[in-house]
Amino acid sequence: MIELDGSESMIFVCRSCNKEKTLPVDSERYQKWRDGKGYIQNLFPELSADDRELMLSGTCGDCFDNMFPEED
């Protein structure tokens, strides 16, 4: 956990492209999620779906879209 401007943040790295992203993450809510005491979308509604996916699977939105392209 790092602190930026007095708020907690974490750096997440995409497993595919190694791009880093710093996200505002409250340590108590993060620990609840890690302990299985809540759903990520409920504990972090302020984060985008792409940011939550990065936390969840270690895959950024761009790499996720490349792995699972929309079908026509």
PDB file of N, CA and C in Angstrom:
ATOM      1  N   MET A   1       0.853  -1.170   0.000  1.00  0.00           N
ATOM      2  CA  MET A   1       0.000   0.000   0.000  1.00  0.00           C
ATOM      3  C   MET A   1       0.901   1.235   0.000  1.00  0.00           C
ATOM      4  N   ILE A   2       0.596   2.160  -0.854  1.00  0.00           N
ATOM      5  CA  ILE A   2       1.323   3.424  -0.880  1.00  0.00           C
ATOM      6  C   ILE A   2       0.337   4.538  -0.608  1.00  0.00           C
ATOM      7  N   GLU A   3       0.824   5.655  -0.172  1.00  0.00           N
ATOM      8  CA  GLU A   3      -0.051   6.786   0.076  1.00  0.00           C
ATOM      9  C   GLU A   3       0.265   7.902  -0.894  1.00  0.00           C
ATOM     10  N   LEU A   4      -0.757   8.370  -1.573  1.00  0.00           N
ATOM     11  CA  LEU A   4      -0.643   9.505  -2.481  1.00  0.00           C
ATOM     12  C   LEU A   4      -1.630  10.562  -2.034  1.00  0.00           C
ATOM     13  N   ASP A   5      -1.159  11.747  -1.766  1.00  0.00           N
ATOM     14  CA  ASP A   5      -2.025  12.845  -1.348  1.00  0.00           C
ATOM     15  C   ASP A   5      -2.872  12.478  -0.131  1.00  0.00           C
ATOM     16  N   GLY A   6      -2.308  11.686   0.792  1.00  0.00           N
ATOM     17  CA  GLY A   6      -3.016  11.333   2.013  1.00  0.00           C
ATOM     18  C   GLY A   6      -4.016  10.205   1.862  1.00  0.00           C
ATOM     19  N   SER A   7      -4.164   9.631   0.672  1.00  0.00           N
ATOM     20  CA  SER A   7      -5.090   8.520   0.490  1.00  0.00           C
ATOM     21  C   SER A   7      -4.310   7.273   0.089  1.00  0.00           C
ATOM     22  N   GLU A   8      -4.873   6.123   0.420  1.00  0.00           N
ATOM     23  CA  GLU A   8      -4.199   4.868   0.127  1.00  0.00           C
ATOM     24  C   GLU A   8      -4.345   4.500  -1.342  1.00  0.00           C
ATOM     25  N   SER A   9      -3.304   3.939  -1.898  1.00  0.00           N
ATOM     26  CA  SER A   9      -3.305   3.497  -3.287  1.00  0.00           C
ATOM     27  C   SER A   9      -2.451   2.249  -3.406  1.00  0.00           C
ATOM     28  N   MET A  10      -2.708   1.498  -4.454  1.00  0.00           N
ATOM     29  CA  MET A  10      -1.906   0.319  -4.758  1.00  0.00           C
ATOM     30  C   MET A  10      -1.536   0.341  -6.222  1.00  0.00           C
ATOM     31  N   ILE A  11      -0.387  -0.223  -6.529  1.00  0.00           N
ATOM     32  CA  ILE A  11       0.056  -0.347  -7.912  1.00  0.00           C
ATOM     33  C   ILE A  11      -0.241  -1.771  -8.366  1.00  0.00           C
ATOM     34  N   PHE A  12      -0.940  -1.888  -9.474  1.00  0.00           N
ATOM     35  CA  PHE A  12      -1.258  -3.183 -10.073  1.00  0.00           C
ATOM     36  C   PHE A  12      -0.561  -3.260 -11.421  1.00  0.00           C
ATOM     37  N   VAL A  13      -0.070  -4.446 -11.766  1.00  0.00           N
ATOM     38  CA  VAL A  13       0.672  -4.651 -13.005  1.00  0.00           C
ATOM     39  C   VAL A  13      -0.041  -5.710 -13.841  1.00  0.00           C
ATOM     40  N   CYS A  14      -0.288  -5.399 -15.108  1.00  0.00           N
ATOM     41  CA  CYS A  14      -0.919  -6.347 -16.018  1.00  0.00           C
ATOM     42  C   CYS A  14       0.050  -7.490 -16.294  1.00  0.00           C
ATOM     43  N   ARG A  15      -0.442  -8.714 -16.191  1.00  0.00           N
ATOM     44  CA  ARG A  15       0.386  -9.896 -16.418  1.00  0.00           C
ATOM     45  C   ARG A  15       0.768 -10.066 -17.887  1.00  0.00           C
ATOM     46  N   SER A  16      -0.013  -9.464 -18.785  1.00  0.00           N
ATOM     47  CA  SER A  16       0.252  -9.634 -20.219  1.00  0.00           C
ATOM     48  C   SER A  16       1.208  -8.584 -20.774  1.00  0.00           C
ATOM     49  N   CYS A  17       0.937  -7.322 -20.485  1.00  0.00           N
ATOM     50  CA  CYS A  17       1.735  -6.253 -21.100  1.00  0.00           C
ATOM     51  C   CYS A  17       2.667  -5.536 -20.118  1.00  0.00           C
ATOM     52  N   ASN A  18       2.574  -5.893 -18.829  1.00  0.00           N
ATOM     53  CA  ASN A  18       3.405  -5.295 -17.779  1.00  0.00           C
ATOM     54  C   ASN A  18       3.136  -3.819 -17.534  1.00  0.00           C
ATOM     55  N   LYS A  19       2.012  -3.305 -18.054  1.00  0.00           N
ATOM     56  CA  LYS A  19       1.658  -1.912 -17.800  1.00  0.00           C
ATOM     57  C   LYS A  19       1.249  -1.776 -16.336  1.00  0.00           C
ATOM     58  N   GLU A  20       1.725  -0.729 -15.678  1.00  0.00           N
ATOM     59  CA  GLU A  20       1.399  -0.457 -14.277  1.00  0.00           C
ATOM     60  C   GLU A  20       0.275   0.557 -14.185  1.00  0.00           C
ATOM     61  N   LYS A  21      -0.567   0.372 -13.176  1.00  0.00           N
ATOM     62  CA  LYS A  21      -1.627   1.337 -12.925  1.00  0.00           C
ATOM     63  C   LYS A  21      -1.786   1.492 -11.423  1.00  0.00           C
ATOM     64  N   THR A  22      -1.815   2.742 -10.957  1.00  0.00           N
ATOM     65  CA  THR A  22      -2.019   3.034  -9.552  1.00  0.00           C
ATOM     66  C   THR A  22      -3.497   3.308  -9.333  1.00  0.00           C
ATOM     67  N   LEU A  23      -4.091   2.562  -8.390  1.00  0.00           N
ATOM     68  CA  LEU A  23      -5.513   2.693  -8.111  1.00  0.00           C
ATOM     69  C   LEU A  23      -5.730   3.097  -6.661  1.00  0.00           C
ATOM     70  N   PRO A  24      -6.724   3.965  -6.418  1.00  0.00           N
ATOM     71  CA  PRO A  24      -7.057   4.316  -5.036  1.00  0.00           C
ATOM     72  C   PRO A  24      -7.783   3.140  -4.384  1.00  0.00           C
ATOM     73  N   VAL A  25      -7.135   2.528  -3.404  1.00  0.00           N
ATOM     74  CA  VAL A  25      -7.689   1.327  -2.781  1.00  0.00           C
ATOM     75  C   VAL A  25      -7.616   1.466  -1.262  1.00  0.00           C
ATOM     76  N   ASP A  26      -8.776   1.433  -0.622  1.00  0.00           N
ATOM     77  CA  ASP A  26      -8.850   1.469   0.830  1.00  0.00           C
ATOM     78  C   ASP A  26      -8.407   0.111   1.376  1.00  0.00           C
ATOM     79  N   SER A  27      -7.449   0.103   2.297  1.00  0.00           N
ATOM     80  CA  SER A  27      -6.870  -1.153   2.772  1.00  0.00           C
ATOM     81  C   SER A  27      -7.881  -2.044   3.482  1.00  0.00           C
ATOM     82  N   GLU A  28      -8.813  -1.476   4.218  1.00  0.00           N
ATOM     83  CA  GLU A  28      -9.817  -2.292   4.913  1.00  0.00           C
ATOM     84  C   GLU A  28     -10.751  -2.985   3.928  1.00  0.00           C
ATOM     85  N   ARG A  29     -11.214  -2.240   2.924  1.00  0.00           N
ATOM     86  CA  ARG A  29     -12.086  -2.848   1.916  1.00  0.00           C
ATOM     87  C   ARG A  29     -11.325  -3.875   1.088  1.00  0.00           C
ATOM     88  N   TYR A  30     -10.057  -3.600   0.786  1.00  0.00           N
ATOM     89  CA  TYR A  30      -9.235  -4.536   0.029  1.00  0.00           C
ATOM     90  C   TYR A  30      -9.085  -5.850   0.807  1.00  0.00           C
ATOM     91  N   GLN A  31      -8.828  -5.744   2.103  1.00  0.00           N
ATOM     92  CA  GLN A  31      -8.667  -6.952   2.911  1.00  0.00           C
ATOM     93  C   GLN A  31      -9.973  -7.736   2.992  1.00  0.00           C
ATOM     94  N   LYS A  32     -11.108  -7.047   3.088  1.00  0.00           N
ATOM     95  CA  LYS A  32     -12.411  -7.730   3.077  1.00  0.00           C
ATOM     96  C   LYS A  32     -12.570  -8.528   1.787  1.00  0.00           C
ATOM     97  N   TRP A  33     -12.245  -7.904   0.676  1.00  0.00           N
ATOM     98  CA  TRP A  33     -12.350  -8.583  -0.617  1.00  0.00           C
ATOM     99  C   TRP A  33     -11.420  -9.786  -0.673  1.00  0.00           C
ATOM    100  N   ARG A  34     -10.173  -9.612  -0.249  1.00  0.00           N
ATOM    101  CA  ARG A  34      -9.202 -10.707  -0.273  1.00  0.00           C
ATOM    102  C   ARG A  34      -9.628 -11.856   0.641  1.00  0.00           C
ATOM    103  N   ASP A  35     -10.329 -11.524   1.727  1.00  0.00           N
ATOM    104  CA  ASP A  35     -10.801 -12.542   2.673  1.00  0.00           C
ATOM    105  C   ASP A  35     -12.115 -13.179   2.235  1.00  0.00           C
ATOM    106  N   GLY A  36     -12.652 -12.756   1.086  1.00  0.00           N
ATOM    107  CA  GLY A  36     -13.899 -13.325   0.588  1.00  0.00           C
ATOM    108  C   GLY A  36     -15.129 -12.826   1.314  1.00  0.00           C
ATOM    109  N   LYS A  37     -15.036 -11.634   1.905  1.00  0.00           N
ATOM    110  CA  LYS A  37     -16.147 -11.082   2.680  1.00  0.00           C
ATOM    111  C   LYS A  37     -16.920 -10.011   1.929  1.00  0.00           C
ATOM    112  N   GLY A  38     -16.854 -10.031   0.631  1.00  0.00           N
ATOM    113  CA  GLY A  38     -17.593  -9.081  -0.186  1.00  0.00           C
ATOM    114  C   GLY A  38     -17.183  -9.184  -1.641  1.00  0.00           C
ATOM    115  N   TYR A  39     -18.085  -8.753  -2.501  1.00  0.00           N
ATOM    116  CA  TYR A  39     -17.814  -8.749  -3.934  1.00  0.00           C
ATOM    117  C   TYR A  39     -17.054  -7.489  -4.315  1.00  0.00           C
ATOM    118  N   ILE A  40     -16.119  -7.641  -5.245  1.00  0.00           N
ATOM    119  CA  ILE A  40     -15.269  -6.526  -5.644  1.00  0.00           C
ATOM    120  C   ILE A  40     -16.097  -5.344  -6.165  1.00  0.00           C
ATOM    121  N   GLN A  41     -17.182  -5.628  -6.911  1.00  0.00           N
ATOM    122  CA  GLN A  41     -17.997  -4.543  -7.454  1.00  0.00           C
ATOM    123  C   GLN A  41     -18.762  -3.799  -6.356  1.00  0.00           C
ATOM    124  N   ASN A  42     -19.037  -4.466  -5.250  1.00  0.00           N
ATOM    125  CA  ASN A  42     -19.720  -3.810  -4.134  1.00  0.00           C
ATOM    126  C   ASN A  42     -18.750  -3.050  -3.235  1.00  0.00           C
ATOM    127  N   LEU A  43     -17.551  -3.586  -3.072  1.00  0.00           N
ATOM    128  CA  LEU A  43     -16.562  -2.942  -2.215  1.00  0.00           C
ATOM    129  C   LEU A  43     -15.846  -1.789  -2.909  1.00  0.00           C
ATOM    130  N   PHE A  44     -15.778  -1.822  -4.244  1.00  0.00           N
ATOM    131  CA  PHE A  44     -15.085  -0.774  -5.000  1.00  0.00           C
ATOM    132  C   PHE A  44     -15.946  -0.257  -6.155  1.00  0.00           C
ATOM    133  N   PRO A  45     -17.141   0.265  -5.846  1.00  0.00           N
ATOM    134  CA  PRO A  45     -18.026   0.747  -6.921  1.00  0.00           C
ATOM    135  C   PRO A  45     -17.467   1.968  -7.653  1.00  0.00           C
ATOM    136  N   GLU A  46     -16.537   2.667  -7.013  1.00  0.00           N
ATOM    137  CA  GLU A  46     -15.963   3.874  -7.620  1.00  0.00           C
ATOM    138  C   GLU A  46     -14.948   3.542  -8.709  1.00  0.00           C
ATOM    139  N   LEU A  47     -14.480   2.298  -8.755  1.00  0.00           N
ATOM    140  CA  LEU A  47     -13.524   1.896  -9.780  1.00  0.00           C
ATOM    141  C   LEU A  47     -14.260   1.422 -11.029  1.00  0.00           C
ATOM    142  N   SER A  48     -13.635   1.597 -12.163  1.00  0.00           N
ATOM    143  CA  SER A  48     -14.233   1.127 -13.418  1.00  0.00           C
ATOM    144  C   SER A  48     -14.162  -0.396 -13.483  1.00  0.00           C
ATOM    145  N   ALA A  49     -14.945  -0.967 -14.369  1.00  0.00           N
ATOM    146  CA  ALA A  49     -14.912  -2.416 -14.557  1.00  0.00           C
ATOM    147  C   ALA A  49     -13.508  -2.871 -14.970  1.00  0.00           C
ATOM    148  N   ASP A  50     -12.835  -2.091 -15.808  1.00  0.00           N
ATOM    149  CA  ASP A  50     -11.472  -2.430 -16.227  1.00  0.00           C
ATOM    150  C   ASP A  50     -10.506  -2.416 -15.039  1.00  0.00           C
ATOM    151  N   ASP A  51     -10.646  -1.434 -14.156  1.00  0.00           N
ATOM    152  CA  ASP A  51      -9.768  -1.360 -12.984  1.00  0.00           C
ATOM    153  C   ASP A  51     -10.019  -2.525 -12.035  1.00  0.00           C
ATOM    154  N   ARG A  52     -11.284  -2.882 -11.849  1.00  0.00           N
ATOM    155  CA  ARG A  52     -11.599  -4.033 -10.993  1.00  0.00           C
ATOM    156  C   ARG A  52     -11.073  -5.327 -11.611  1.00  0.00           C
ATOM    157  N   GLU A  53     -11.135  -5.453 -12.930  1.00  0.00           N
ATOM    158  CA  GLU A  53     -10.597  -6.639 -13.605  1.00  0.00           C
ATOM    159  C   GLU A  53      -9.090  -6.738 -13.407  1.00  0.00           C
ATOM    160  N   LEU A  54      -8.411  -5.612 -13.461  1.00  0.00           N
ATOM    161  CA  LEU A  54      -6.969  -5.599 -13.218  1.00  0.00           C
ATOM    162  C   LEU A  54      -6.667  -6.090 -11.811  1.00  0.00           C
ATOM    163  N   MET A  55      -7.443  -5.631 -10.825  1.00  0.00           N
ATOM    164  CA  MET A  55      -7.265  -6.105  -9.452  1.00  0.00           C
ATOM    165  C   MET A  55      -7.557  -7.597  -9.348  1.00  0.00           C
ATOM    166  N   LEU A  56      -8.613  -8.019  -9.998  1.00  0.00           N
ATOM    167  CA  LEU A  56      -9.110  -9.389  -9.877  1.00  0.00           C
ATOM    168  C   LEU A  56      -8.229 -10.415 -10.586  1.00  0.00           C
ATOM    169  N   SER A  57      -7.904 -10.152 -11.833  1.00  0.00           N
ATOM    170  CA  SER A  57      -7.204 -11.159 -12.637  1.00  0.00           C
ATOM    171  C   SER A  57      -5.780 -10.785 -13.023  1.00  0.00           C
ATOM    172  N   GLY A  58      -5.409  -9.523 -12.795  1.00  0.00           N
ATOM    173  CA  GLY A  58      -4.087  -9.083 -13.225  1.00  0.00           C
ATOM    174  C   GLY A  58      -4.022  -8.815 -14.713  1.00  0.00           C
ATOM    175  N   THR A  59      -5.186  -8.544 -15.327  1.00  0.00           N
ATOM    176  CA  THR A  59      -5.254  -8.266 -16.763  1.00  0.00           C
ATOM    177  C   THR A  59      -5.872  -6.887 -16.972  1.00  0.00           C
ATOM    178  N   CYS A  60      -5.175  -6.024 -17.695  1.00  0.00           N
ATOM    179  CA  CYS A  60      -5.710  -4.684 -17.955  1.00  0.00           C
ATOM    180  C   CYS A  60      -6.832  -4.767 -18.990  1.00  0.00           C
ATOM    181  N   GLY A  61      -7.591  -3.712 -19.095  1.00  0.00           N
ATOM    182  CA  GLY A  61      -8.723  -3.680 -20.011  1.00  0.00           C
ATOM    183  C   GLY A  61      -8.338  -3.910 -21.462  1.00  0.00           C
ATOM    184  N   ASP A  62      -7.242  -3.300 -21.914  1.00  0.00           N
ATOM    185  CA  ASP A  62      -6.813  -3.477 -23.305  1.00  0.00           C
ATOM    186  C   ASP A  62      -6.453  -4.932 -23.597  1.00  0.00           C
ATOM    187  N   CYS A  63      -5.703  -5.557 -22.701  1.00  0.00           N
ATOM    188  CA  CYS A  63      -5.317  -6.956 -22.914  1.00  0.00           C
ATOM    189  C   CYS A  63      -6.532  -7.869 -22.818  1.00  0.00           C
ATOM    190  N   PHE A  64      -7.456  -7.573 -21.921  1.00  0.00           N
ATOM    191  CA  PHE A  64      -8.676  -8.370 -21.803  1.00  0.00           C
ATOM    192  C   PHE A  64      -9.470  -8.304 -23.105  1.00  0.00           C
ATOM    193  N   ASP A  65      -9.601  -7.094 -23.658  1.00  0.00           N
ATOM    194  CA  ASP A  65     -10.328  -6.929 -24.920  1.00  0.00           C
ATOM    195  C   ASP A  65      -9.640  -7.668 -26.067  1.00  0.00           C
ATOM    196  N   ASN A  66      -8.318  -7.695 -26.069  1.00  0.00           N
ATOM    197  CA  ASN A  66      -7.577  -8.416 -27.112  1.00  0.00           C
ATOM    198  C   ASN A  66      -7.762  -9.929 -26.964  1.00  0.00           C
ATOM    199  N   MET A  67      -7.850 -10.407 -25.730  1.00  0.00           N
ATOM    200  CA  MET A  67      -8.028 -11.842 -25.496  1.00  0.00           C
ATOM    201  C   MET A  67      -9.446 -12.303 -25.820  1.00  0.00           C
ATOM    202  N   PHE A  68     -10.415 -11.402 -25.571  1.00  0.00           N
ATOM    203  CA  PHE A  68     -11.830 -11.744 -25.770  1.00  0.00           C
ATOM    204  C   PHE A  68     -12.509 -10.674 -26.630  1.00  0.00           C
ATOM    205  N   PRO A  69     -12.177 -10.634 -27.920  1.00  0.00           N
ATOM    206  CA  PRO A  69     -12.766  -9.606 -28.797  1.00  0.00           C
ATOM    207  C   PRO A  69     -14.275  -9.827 -28.962  1.00  0.00           C
ATOM    208  N   GLU A  70     -14.983  -8.730 -29.180  1.00  0.00           N
ATOM    209  CA  GLU A  70     -16.417  -8.820 -29.441  1.00  0.00           C
ATOM    210  C   GLU A  70     -16.653  -9.469 -30.785  1.00  0.00           C
ATOM    211  N   GLU A  71     -17.642 -10.348 -30.833  1.00  0.00           N
ATOM    212  CA  GLU A  71     -17.978 -10.996 -32.096  1.00  0.00           C
ATOM    213  C   GLU A  71     -18.978 -10.136 -32.850  1.00  0.00           C
ATOM    214  N   ASP A  72     -18.882 -10.174 -34.169  1.00  0.00           N
ATOM    215  CA  ASP A  72     -19.805  -9.388 -34.996  1.00  0.00           C
ATOM    216  C   ASP A  72     -21.137 -10.075 -35.138  1.00  0.00           C
TER     217      ASP A  72
END
